[in-house]
Amino acid sequence: MPRLRPRLATLAASTLAAALVLTGCAAGSSETPSTADAGAGSGESVTIEHAFGETVVPADPQNVVTLGWGSTDAAIALGTIPVAIPFDSYAGDENGVLPWVAEAVEAAGADLPTVLPESPDEPPYEAIAEADPDVILAVYSGITEEQYETLSQIAPTVAYPGEAWSTPWRDVVTTVGEALGKSTEAEEVLAGIDDQLAEQAAAHPEFEGKTIAAVWDIAGTFYVYKKEDPRVEFMLDLGFESAPSVDELANGDSTFFSTLSYEQLDQLEADVVLSYSDTQAEADAFLTAPQTSVIPAVKAGTVAQLVGTEYIAAVSPPTALSLPWGLDQLVEALAAGAE
C-alpha cells in the first residue's frame, strides 16, 4: 500500500564509505558551498530549507536521483529525466516503473532511468552513489534525519519541508522546480493541472459543498485520510469539503491518516465516502461486510469506489504526472458516489 510503509532505518557509516569508494563519489555536506559548487553548471546555486536544515543545490544539476513519492514525476514534468528513481512495488510494472512515468519518458524520447533496488527499510545507498547524483530529491518521503545525513554524504539532499509523507503535492512540484532552477516551468505545470481541476469542478456542480471522507479498509485496518493529506487536498479543489467527522475521530497515528476501529465507523459521517480497493472483490466486500456496512454513506448508497492499484496510486497522493493521468477515472468514481 503506497505511503504507508514503515519509516526507513539507517545504514552504518562503513557501508556508505564502501559505496562511495566503489563509485568514486566524494562525500561532502549538502550544506557547504564547496559541495554545492561541485558539478554545477551555469547560473547560481540555490539554498532550500527543509525539515533537517538547509541544502545548497548546485546550479543546473544534471544527474538527479529521486526518492519517496512525487519527486520523480515533478522532475520529468519539468523536463528533467532523473538518472535513478525508486522502485514502486505497488502499482509499478515488473521493473517497478509506474505507468505514467513510463509514458512520460517515452513521450520525451528518453531512455527509462535506472530503477533503484527495492529497499523498504532504508535507502539503497550504494545504488544511489553509483548513479553519481548532483542532487537527491526526497521532497515527499519518510527519510529520517540520520538517513538525510547519510544521503548528504553522497550528494546535496532535499528533504521534506515539514512532516514526513505530508508535503502538499503542489509544494512537491514547486520545490523540485526550485532545486532544478525551473521555478517558472513549475508554475506553468501547476497552472495546467489547476485548469484541468477547474474544468472538472465546473462539469460536476454536484460536488460543491459535499463533505467527503477518503478511506481504505485493508488487512483488518481501517484508514481514514486527514484533510492535510495531499490525496484529500486536491478533492477540495473539485468542490468537496473534508467531512468534520474525520477531524472529530482523528488520532495521533500519523500526520496524514487515522486508523479507526470498526466500532467507530457508524460515526464516520460524510456525504460521500471515497473507498480505495485493489480489486473489485475488495470493493464489493466493502459494501457488504458487516463491519463497514454501518458507515452512513454505505447505508445511503453514496460511496465512491476507486478500484485498481494503478488508479489508487495515481491519487495516493497525486503528482505532477499522475493526477492528469488518473483524474478522469477518479472523477467518474466521485460522480457515481455523489449522485
Protein backbone atom coordinates (compact mmCIF):
# COMPACT_ATOMS: atom_id res chain seq x y z
CA MET A 1 0.00 0.00 0.00
CA PRO A 2 1.63 3.27 -1.07
CA ARG A 3 2.84 5.77 1.51
CA LEU A 4 2.03 3.56 4.48
CA ARG A 5 5.39 1.92 4.67
CA PRO A 6 7.33 1.85 7.94
CA ARG A 7 9.81 4.63 8.45
CA LEU A 8 13.18 3.89 6.97
CA ALA A 9 16.06 2.59 9.05
CA THR A 10 19.68 3.76 8.88
CA LEU A 11 22.80 2.42 7.24
CA ALA A 12 26.14 2.03 9.02
CA ALA A 13 28.73 4.59 8.06
CA SER A 14 31.13 1.85 6.99
CA THR A 15 28.66 0.60 4.40
CA LEU A 16 28.25 4.07 2.96
CA ALA A 17 32.00 4.55 2.87
CA ALA A 18 32.37 1.34 0.90
CA ALA A 19 29.72 2.51 -1.54
CA LEU A 20 31.49 5.82 -2.04
CA VAL A 21 34.80 4.09 -2.65
CA LEU A 22 33.21 1.74 -5.18
CA THR A 23 31.76 4.61 -7.18
CA GLY A 24 34.50 7.16 -6.67
CA CYS A 25 31.89 9.57 -5.31
CA ALA A 26 33.38 12.15 -2.97
CA ALA A 27 31.42 12.67 0.22
CA GLY A 28 30.53 16.13 1.42
CA SER A 29 27.93 18.05 3.36
CA SER A 30 24.94 19.31 1.38
CA GLU A 31 25.07 22.48 3.42
CA THR A 32 28.52 23.64 2.32
CA PRO A 33 29.19 25.93 -0.64
CA SER A 34 32.04 23.69 -1.85
CA THR A 35 29.67 20.76 -2.26
CA ALA A 36 27.07 22.95 -3.92
CA ASP A 37 29.61 24.15 -6.48
CA ALA A 38 30.73 20.62 -7.38
CA GLY A 39 29.27 19.61 -10.73
CA ALA A 40 27.37 22.87 -11.06
CA GLY A 41 26.53 24.20 -14.48
CA SER A 42 25.93 27.78 -15.46
CA GLY A 43 23.93 30.06 -13.22
CA GLU A 44 23.79 30.15 -9.45
CA SER A 45 23.27 27.57 -6.75
CA VAL A 46 20.08 27.67 -4.71
CA THR A 47 19.54 27.15 -0.99
CA ILE A 48 16.43 25.20 0.00
CA GLU A 49 15.14 24.96 3.57
CA HIS A 50 13.60 21.72 4.79
CA ALA A 51 12.88 19.75 7.95
CA PHE A 52 16.55 18.97 8.57
CA GLY A 53 18.06 22.37 7.83
CA GLU A 54 19.23 23.85 4.56
CA THR A 55 20.64 22.31 1.41
CA VAL A 56 22.68 24.13 -1.21
CA VAL A 57 21.83 22.68 -4.61
CA PRO A 58 24.32 23.28 -7.43
CA ALA A 59 23.20 25.29 -10.41
CA ASP A 60 21.77 23.28 -13.29
CA PRO A 61 22.04 19.79 -11.71
CA GLN A 62 22.25 17.15 -14.43
CA ASN A 63 22.28 13.88 -12.51
CA VAL A 64 19.13 13.81 -10.40
CA VAL A 65 18.18 10.93 -8.10
CA THR A 66 14.68 10.85 -6.65
CA LEU A 67 13.40 9.11 -3.53
CA GLY A 68 9.97 8.73 -2.00
CA TRP A 69 6.93 9.80 -3.99
CA GLY A 70 6.27 12.60 -6.46
CA SER A 71 9.76 13.99 -6.96
CA THR A 72 10.31 11.71 -9.95
CA ASP A 73 7.12 12.91 -11.59
CA ALA A 74 7.78 16.56 -10.86
CA ALA A 75 11.26 16.39 -12.36
CA ILE A 76 10.01 14.67 -15.52
CA ALA A 77 7.11 17.11 -15.87
CA LEU A 78 9.70 19.91 -15.73
CA GLY A 79 11.77 18.33 -18.49
CA THR A 80 14.46 16.67 -16.36
CA ILE A 81 14.67 12.88 -16.59
CA PRO A 82 16.27 11.57 -13.37
CA VAL A 83 19.20 9.18 -13.64
CA ALA A 84 17.73 6.95 -10.93
CA ILE A 85 14.23 6.58 -9.48
CA PRO A 86 12.67 4.49 -6.70
CA PHE A 87 11.20 1.06 -7.36
CA ASP A 88 7.42 1.00 -6.94
CA SER A 89 6.17 -2.42 -5.92
CA TYR A 90 2.54 -1.40 -5.53
CA ALA A 91 1.48 -0.12 -8.94
CA GLY A 92 4.67 -0.33 -10.98
CA ASP A 93 5.34 -2.84 -13.72
CA GLU A 94 7.72 -5.78 -13.37
CA ASN A 95 10.58 -3.27 -13.36
CA GLY A 96 8.97 -1.09 -10.70
CA VAL A 97 8.10 1.72 -13.12
CA LEU A 98 4.74 3.47 -12.80
CA PRO A 99 2.65 3.71 -16.00
CA TRP A 100 2.53 7.50 -16.18
CA VAL A 101 6.28 7.68 -15.65
CA ALA A 102 6.90 5.20 -18.47
CA GLU A 103 4.53 7.09 -20.77
CA ALA A 104 6.07 10.49 -20.00
CA VAL A 105 9.64 9.26 -20.52
CA GLU A 106 8.65 7.64 -23.81
CA ALA A 107 6.90 10.84 -24.91
CA ALA A 108 10.11 12.74 -24.15
CA GLY A 109 12.06 10.36 -26.38
CA ALA A 110 14.33 9.42 -23.50
CA ASP A 111 15.52 6.15 -22.00
CA LEU A 112 13.99 4.97 -18.77
CA PRO A 113 16.05 5.92 -15.71
CA THR A 114 17.83 3.33 -13.64
CA VAL A 115 15.39 1.91 -11.11
CA LEU A 116 16.89 1.72 -7.65
CA PRO A 117 16.58 -1.66 -5.90
CA GLU A 118 13.54 -2.05 -3.70
CA SER A 119 14.59 -1.19 -0.17
CA PRO A 120 11.69 -0.89 2.30
CA ASP A 121 13.84 -0.39 5.39
CA GLU A 122 16.47 2.07 4.21
CA PRO A 123 17.54 3.98 1.12
CA PRO A 124 19.72 1.88 -1.23
CA TYR A 125 22.79 3.98 -0.57
CA GLU A 126 25.23 2.07 -2.74
CA ALA A 127 22.98 2.19 -5.80
CA ILE A 128 22.32 5.88 -5.21
CA ALA A 129 26.04 6.59 -5.03
CA GLU A 130 26.63 4.60 -8.23
CA ALA A 131 24.24 6.98 -10.02
CA ASP A 132 26.69 9.81 -9.23
CA PRO A 133 23.96 12.34 -8.42
CA ASP A 134 24.34 16.09 -8.41
CA VAL A 135 21.28 16.26 -6.16
CA ILE A 136 18.96 13.83 -4.35
CA LEU A 137 15.32 14.87 -4.18
CA ALA A 138 13.27 13.37 -1.34
CA VAL A 139 10.68 16.13 -1.07
CA TYR A 140 7.79 13.78 -0.24
CA SER A 141 9.35 10.93 1.68
CA GLY A 142 9.91 9.43 5.09
CA ILE A 143 13.66 9.65 5.41
CA THR A 144 14.92 10.22 8.92
CA GLU A 145 17.42 12.88 9.92
CA GLU A 146 20.13 10.26 10.23
CA GLN A 147 19.34 8.95 6.76
CA TYR A 148 19.35 12.50 5.45
CA GLU A 149 22.84 12.99 6.86
CA THR A 150 23.99 9.77 5.21
CA LEU A 151 22.47 10.70 1.87
CA SER A 152 24.05 14.13 2.12
CA GLN A 153 27.47 12.48 2.13
CA ILE A 154 26.65 11.24 -1.37
CA ALA A 155 25.12 14.45 -2.77
CA PRO A 156 23.14 17.51 -1.67
CA THR A 157 19.81 16.15 -0.48
CA VAL A 158 16.49 18.00 -0.33
CA ALA A 159 14.13 16.54 2.28
CA TYR A 160 10.50 17.38 3.00
CA PRO A 161 9.70 20.85 4.38
CA GLY A 162 7.60 19.80 7.37
CA GLU A 163 6.37 16.36 8.40
CA ALA A 164 7.28 13.08 6.74
CA TRP A 165 4.94 11.94 3.96
CA SER A 166 2.88 15.14 4.23
CA THR A 167 4.24 17.60 1.67
CA PRO A 168 1.34 19.13 -0.29
CA TRP A 169 1.52 17.87 -3.86
CA ARG A 170 1.82 21.39 -5.26
CA ASP A 171 4.75 22.07 -2.94
CA VAL A 172 6.49 18.98 -4.29
CA VAL A 173 6.32 20.49 -7.76
CA THR A 174 7.48 23.96 -6.70
CA THR A 175 10.30 22.64 -4.51
CA VAL A 176 11.59 20.35 -7.24
CA GLY A 177 11.31 23.28 -9.64
CA GLU A 178 13.35 25.44 -7.30
CA ALA A 179 16.00 22.75 -6.91
CA LEU A 180 16.30 22.30 -10.68
CA GLY A 181 16.28 26.01 -11.46
CA LYS A 182 12.90 25.65 -13.15
CA SER A 183 10.53 27.60 -10.93
CA THR A 184 8.80 29.24 -13.89
CA GLU A 185 8.19 25.88 -15.51
CA ALA A 186 6.84 24.55 -12.20
CA GLU A 187 4.25 27.30 -12.05
CA GLU A 188 3.26 26.52 -15.63
CA VAL A 189 2.82 22.82 -14.83
CA LEU A 190 0.64 23.66 -11.83
CA ALA A 191 -1.41 26.14 -13.82
CA GLY A 192 -2.13 23.47 -16.39
CA ILE A 193 -3.26 21.00 -13.73
CA ASP A 194 -5.34 23.65 -11.98
CA ASP A 195 -7.10 24.28 -15.28
CA GLN A 196 -7.95 20.59 -15.53
CA LEU A 197 -9.28 20.55 -11.96
CA ALA A 198 -11.34 23.68 -12.56
CA GLU A 199 -12.77 22.17 -15.73
CA GLN A 200 -13.79 19.01 -13.87
CA ALA A 201 -15.29 21.02 -11.00
CA ALA A 202 -17.33 23.09 -13.44
CA ALA A 203 -18.58 19.93 -15.12
CA HIS A 204 -19.68 18.49 -11.77
CA PRO A 205 -21.52 21.14 -9.75
CA GLU A 206 -22.94 18.31 -7.62
CA PHE A 207 -19.55 18.11 -5.87
CA GLU A 208 -19.81 21.64 -4.49
CA GLY A 209 -20.19 21.74 -0.71
CA LYS A 210 -20.50 17.98 -0.24
CA THR A 211 -18.44 16.54 2.60
CA ILE A 212 -16.10 13.69 1.79
CA ALA A 213 -14.01 11.13 3.65
CA ALA A 214 -11.32 9.08 1.91
CA VAL A 215 -10.86 5.63 3.43
CA TRP A 216 -9.08 2.34 2.92
CA ASP A 217 -10.08 -0.89 4.64
CA ILE A 218 -7.19 -3.27 4.19
CA ALA A 219 -5.87 -6.29 6.05
CA GLY A 220 -8.10 -5.63 9.05
CA THR A 221 -7.09 -1.99 9.46
CA PHE A 222 -9.39 0.91 8.56
CA TYR A 223 -7.56 4.04 7.41
CA VAL A 224 -9.13 7.50 7.15
CA TYR A 225 -7.08 10.20 5.46
CA LYS A 226 -6.87 13.60 7.10
CA LYS A 227 -7.64 16.83 5.27
CA GLU A 228 -3.93 17.72 5.38
CA ASP A 229 -3.12 14.70 3.23
CA PRO A 230 -2.48 15.56 -0.42
CA ARG A 231 -4.90 12.91 -1.65
CA VAL A 232 -7.69 14.78 0.14
CA GLU A 233 -6.38 18.25 -0.63
CA PHE A 234 -6.97 18.09 -4.37
CA MET A 235 -10.53 16.78 -3.93
CA LEU A 236 -11.27 20.06 -2.17
CA ASP A 237 -10.28 21.75 -5.44
CA LEU A 238 -13.08 19.78 -7.09
CA GLY A 239 -15.60 21.38 -4.73
CA PHE A 240 -15.76 18.88 -1.88
CA GLU A 241 -15.24 19.72 1.79
CA SER A 242 -13.44 17.47 4.24
CA ALA A 243 -16.00 15.81 6.49
CA PRO A 244 -15.87 17.23 10.05
CA SER A 245 -16.15 13.68 11.39
CA VAL A 246 -12.66 12.96 10.05
CA ASP A 247 -11.24 15.58 12.43
CA GLU A 248 -13.53 14.51 15.26
CA LEU A 249 -12.36 10.90 15.02
CA ALA A 250 -8.72 11.73 14.30
CA ASN A 251 -5.95 10.29 16.41
CA GLY A 252 -2.20 10.63 16.51
CA ASP A 253 -1.41 7.57 14.41
CA SER A 254 0.15 9.62 11.64
CA THR A 255 0.45 13.09 10.19
CA PHE A 256 -1.73 12.10 7.26
CA PHE A 257 -4.11 9.35 8.37
CA SER A 258 -6.00 7.95 11.34
CA THR A 259 -6.88 4.34 12.00
CA LEU A 260 -10.38 3.71 13.28
CA SER A 261 -11.83 0.69 14.99
CA TYR A 262 -14.77 -0.90 13.25
CA GLU A 263 -16.87 0.10 16.26
CA GLN A 264 -16.28 3.76 15.34
CA LEU A 265 -17.41 3.55 11.73
CA ASP A 266 -21.04 4.41 12.40
CA GLN A 267 -19.71 7.84 13.47
CA LEU A 268 -17.95 8.49 10.15
CA GLU A 269 -20.50 10.95 8.81
CA ALA A 270 -19.85 12.21 5.27
CA ASP A 271 -21.99 12.98 2.26
CA VAL A 272 -19.62 10.88 0.17
CA VAL A 273 -17.11 8.24 1.23
CA LEU A 274 -14.34 7.51 -1.25
CA SER A 275 -13.03 3.99 -0.73
CA TYR A 276 -9.88 2.54 -2.26
CA SER A 277 -9.79 -1.15 -3.23
CA ASP A 278 -7.08 -3.04 -5.06
CA THR A 279 -9.60 -5.42 -6.64
CA GLN A 280 -13.28 -5.45 -7.50
CA ALA A 281 -13.80 -8.25 -4.99
CA GLU A 282 -12.48 -6.00 -2.22
CA ALA A 283 -14.70 -3.16 -3.44
CA ASP A 284 -17.76 -5.40 -3.33
CA ALA A 285 -16.86 -6.60 0.16
CA PHE A 286 -16.62 -3.02 1.40
CA LEU A 287 -20.31 -2.51 0.62
CA THR A 288 -21.50 -5.78 2.16
CA ALA A 289 -19.18 -6.63 5.07
CA PRO A 290 -20.85 -6.21 8.47
CA GLN A 291 -18.04 -4.03 9.84
CA THR A 292 -18.20 -1.46 7.01
CA SER A 293 -21.90 -1.60 6.16
CA VAL A 294 -22.60 0.52 9.26
CA ILE A 295 -20.94 3.56 7.64
CA PRO A 296 -23.71 6.11 6.97
CA ALA A 297 -22.61 6.63 3.36
CA VAL A 298 -22.73 2.89 2.72
CA LYS A 299 -26.29 2.82 4.03
CA ALA A 300 -27.17 5.86 1.91
CA GLY A 301 -25.56 4.47 -1.24
CA THR A 302 -23.16 7.41 -1.58
CA VAL A 303 -19.87 5.53 -1.73
CA ALA A 304 -17.42 6.36 -4.50
CA GLN A 305 -15.14 3.43 -5.22
CA LEU A 306 -11.73 3.73 -6.84
CA VAL A 307 -10.64 0.26 -7.88
CA GLY A 308 -7.23 -0.90 -9.14
CA THR A 309 -3.69 -0.34 -7.92
CA GLU A 310 -2.70 2.00 -10.75
CA TYR A 311 -5.69 4.28 -10.27
CA ILE A 312 -5.26 4.32 -6.49
CA ALA A 313 -1.56 5.11 -6.76
CA ALA A 314 -2.32 7.92 -9.20
CA VAL A 315 -4.10 9.87 -6.47
CA SER A 316 -2.38 8.50 -3.35
CA PRO A 317 -1.28 11.20 -3.32
CA PRO A 318 -1.41 12.90 -6.73
CA THR A 319 1.68 14.06 -8.56
CA ALA A 320 2.52 16.30 -11.50
CA LEU A 321 2.17 13.32 -13.85
CA SER A 322 -0.26 11.00 -12.08
CA LEU A 323 -3.07 13.47 -11.45
CA PRO A 324 -3.64 14.27 -15.13
CA TRP A 325 -3.23 10.54 -15.89
CA GLY A 326 -5.83 9.32 -13.39
CA LEU A 327 -8.15 12.32 -12.98
CA ASP A 328 -10.90 11.15 -15.32
CA GLN A 329 -11.16 7.78 -13.59
CA LEU A 330 -11.37 9.39 -10.16
CA VAL A 331 -13.97 11.96 -11.19
CA GLU A 332 -16.08 9.21 -12.72
CA ALA A 333 -16.00 7.36 -9.39
CA LEU A 334 -16.77 10.51 -7.40
CA ALA A 335 -19.68 11.36 -9.68
CA ALA A 336 -21.18 7.93 -9.10
CA GLY A 337 -20.92 8.39 -5.33
CA ALA A 338 -22.25 11.95 -5.34
CA GLU A 339 -25.45 11.18 -7.25
